[in-house]
Amino acid sequence: MEASRPLDALNDARNKRVIVELKNNKQYIGKLKAFDIHINVVLEDAEERANNEVLRKMGVVFLRGDTITIISPQQ
């Protein structure tokens, strides 16, 4: 289904693995469990990565929407 609004795209990605990049250039990969209208997101089985290397496994993480620059579903 083609997403017609930004939140539709996030809904389509729910329970799928996504890459989230933050303003501080940190990158988190995990399963998108929840989000709100402020694009605050909750990831499950999350990993913090840099330069394609896992820095640490974090489990469940909450990321503030105002720190996020990119959310991309993994293929």
C-alpha atoms as a PDB file:
ATOM      1  CA  MET A   1       0.000   0.000   0.000  1.00  0.00           C
ATOM      2  CA  GLU A   2       1.307   3.430  -0.944  1.00  0.00           C
ATOM      3  CA  ALA A   3       1.576   5.806   1.996  1.00  0.00           C
ATOM      4  CA  SER A   4      -0.227   9.071   1.341  1.00  0.00           C
ATOM      5  CA  ARG A   5       0.786  10.808   4.592  1.00  0.00           C
ATOM      6  CA  PRO A   6       3.966  10.658   6.692  1.00  0.00           C
ATOM      7  CA  LEU A   7       2.270   8.825   9.556  1.00  0.00           C
ATOM      8  CA  ASP A   8       0.939   6.262   7.042  1.00  0.00           C
ATOM      9  CA  ALA A   9       4.542   5.421   6.168  1.00  0.00           C
ATOM     10  CA  LEU A  10       5.328   4.896   9.852  1.00  0.00           C
ATOM     11  CA  ASN A  11       2.206   2.768  10.277  1.00  0.00           C
ATOM     12  CA  ASP A  12       3.343   0.583   7.364  1.00  0.00           C
ATOM     13  CA  ALA A  13       6.721   0.155   9.092  1.00  0.00           C
ATOM     14  CA  ARG A  14       5.245  -0.878  12.458  1.00  0.00           C
ATOM     15  CA  ASN A  15       6.648  -4.234  13.669  1.00  0.00           C
ATOM     16  CA  LYS A  16       9.333  -4.088  10.959  1.00  0.00           C
ATOM     17  CA  ARG A  17      13.019  -3.292  11.320  1.00  0.00           C
ATOM     18  CA  VAL A  18      13.897   0.345  10.738  1.00  0.00           C
ATOM     19  CA  ILE A  19      17.030   2.475  10.771  1.00  0.00           C
ATOM     20  CA  VAL A  20      16.712   5.695  12.779  1.00  0.00           C
ATOM     21  CA  GLU A  21      19.357   8.402  12.446  1.00  0.00           C
ATOM     22  CA  LEU A  22      19.617  11.231  14.963  1.00  0.00           C
ATOM     23  CA  LYS A  23      20.897  14.809  14.741  1.00  0.00           C
ATOM     24  CA  ASN A  24      24.042  13.743  16.641  1.00  0.00           C
ATOM     25  CA  ASN A  25      24.759  11.215  13.824  1.00  0.00           C
ATOM     26  CA  LYS A  26      24.012   8.202  16.026  1.00  0.00           C
ATOM     27  CA  GLN A  27      22.135   5.415  14.321  1.00  0.00           C
ATOM     28  CA  TYR A  28      19.739   2.919  15.865  1.00  0.00           C
ATOM     29  CA  ILE A  29      18.334  -0.180  14.208  1.00  0.00           C
ATOM     30  CA  GLY A  30      15.422  -2.084  15.685  1.00  0.00           C
ATOM     31  CA  LYS A  31      11.820  -3.139  15.314  1.00  0.00           C
ATOM     32  CA  LEU A  32       9.432  -0.173  15.313  1.00  0.00           C
ATOM     33  CA  LYS A  33       6.924  -0.874  18.086  1.00  0.00           C
ATOM     34  CA  ALA A  34       5.230   2.480  18.645  1.00  0.00           C
ATOM     35  CA  PHE A  35       5.233   6.156  17.682  1.00  0.00           C
ATOM     36  CA  ASP A  36       3.163   9.265  18.302  1.00  0.00           C
ATOM     37  CA  ILE A  37       2.310  12.455  16.440  1.00  0.00           C
ATOM     38  CA  HIS A  38       5.601  14.016  17.614  1.00  0.00           C
ATOM     39  CA  ILE A  39       7.460  11.097  15.973  1.00  0.00           C
ATOM     40  CA  ASN A  40       8.735   9.922  19.331  1.00  0.00           C
ATOM     41  CA  VAL A  41       9.460   6.265  18.607  1.00  0.00           C
ATOM     42  CA  VAL A  42       9.947   3.065  20.563  1.00  0.00           C
ATOM     43  CA  LEU A  43      12.264   0.439  19.081  1.00  0.00           C
ATOM     44  CA  GLU A  44      12.541  -3.150  20.291  1.00  0.00           C
ATOM     45  CA  ASP A  45      15.688  -5.300  19.964  1.00  0.00           C
ATOM     46  CA  ALA A  46      17.561  -2.079  19.235  1.00  0.00           C
ATOM     47  CA  GLU A  47      21.240  -1.747  18.425  1.00  0.00           C
ATOM     48  CA  GLU A  48      23.306   1.413  18.388  1.00  0.00           C
ATOM     49  CA  ARG A  49      25.570   1.497  15.336  1.00  0.00           C
ATOM     50  CA  ALA A  50      28.355   3.590  13.880  1.00  0.00           C
ATOM     51  CA  ASN A  51      30.278   2.929  10.669  1.00  0.00           C
ATOM     52  CA  ASN A  52      28.253  -0.275  10.107  1.00  0.00           C
ATOM     53  CA  GLU A  53      29.486  -1.705  13.422  1.00  0.00           C
ATOM     54  CA  VAL A  54      27.291  -2.535  16.395  1.00  0.00           C
ATOM     55  CA  LEU A  55      28.421  -0.397  19.340  1.00  0.00           C
ATOM     56  CA  ARG A  56      25.955  -1.889  21.811  1.00  0.00           C
ATOM     57  CA  LYS A  57      22.752  -3.884  22.009  1.00  0.00           C
ATOM     58  CA  MET A  58      20.119  -1.944  23.899  1.00  0.00           C
ATOM     59  CA  GLY A  59      16.837  -3.875  23.891  1.00  0.00           C
ATOM     60  CA  VAL A  60      13.905  -1.440  24.101  1.00  0.00           C
ATOM     61  CA  VAL A  61      14.706   2.225  23.453  1.00  0.00           C
ATOM     62  CA  PHE A  62      12.665   5.429  23.329  1.00  0.00           C
ATOM     63  CA  LEU A  63      13.895   8.064  20.879  1.00  0.00           C
ATOM     64  CA  ARG A  64      12.605  11.628  21.034  1.00  0.00           C
ATOM     65  CA  GLY A  65      11.091  12.822  17.796  1.00  0.00           C
ATOM     66  CA  ASP A  66      12.869  16.189  17.857  1.00  0.00           C
ATOM     67  CA  THR A  67      16.252  14.398  17.737  1.00  0.00           C
ATOM     68  CA  ILE A  68      15.389  12.213  14.709  1.00  0.00           C
ATOM     69  CA  THR A  69      16.484  13.179  11.191  1.00  0.00           C
ATOM     70  CA  ILE A  70      15.715   9.952   9.266  1.00  0.00           C
ATOM     71  CA  ILE A  71      13.574   6.859   9.737  1.00  0.00           C
ATOM     72  CA  SER A  72      14.017   4.259   7.019  1.00  0.00           C
ATOM     73  CA  PRO A  73      12.505   0.769   6.785  1.00  0.00           C
ATOM     74  CA  GLN A  74      15.161  -1.892   6.263  1.00  0.00           C
ATOM     75  CA  GLN A  75      14.896  -4.006   3.142  1.00  0.00           C
END
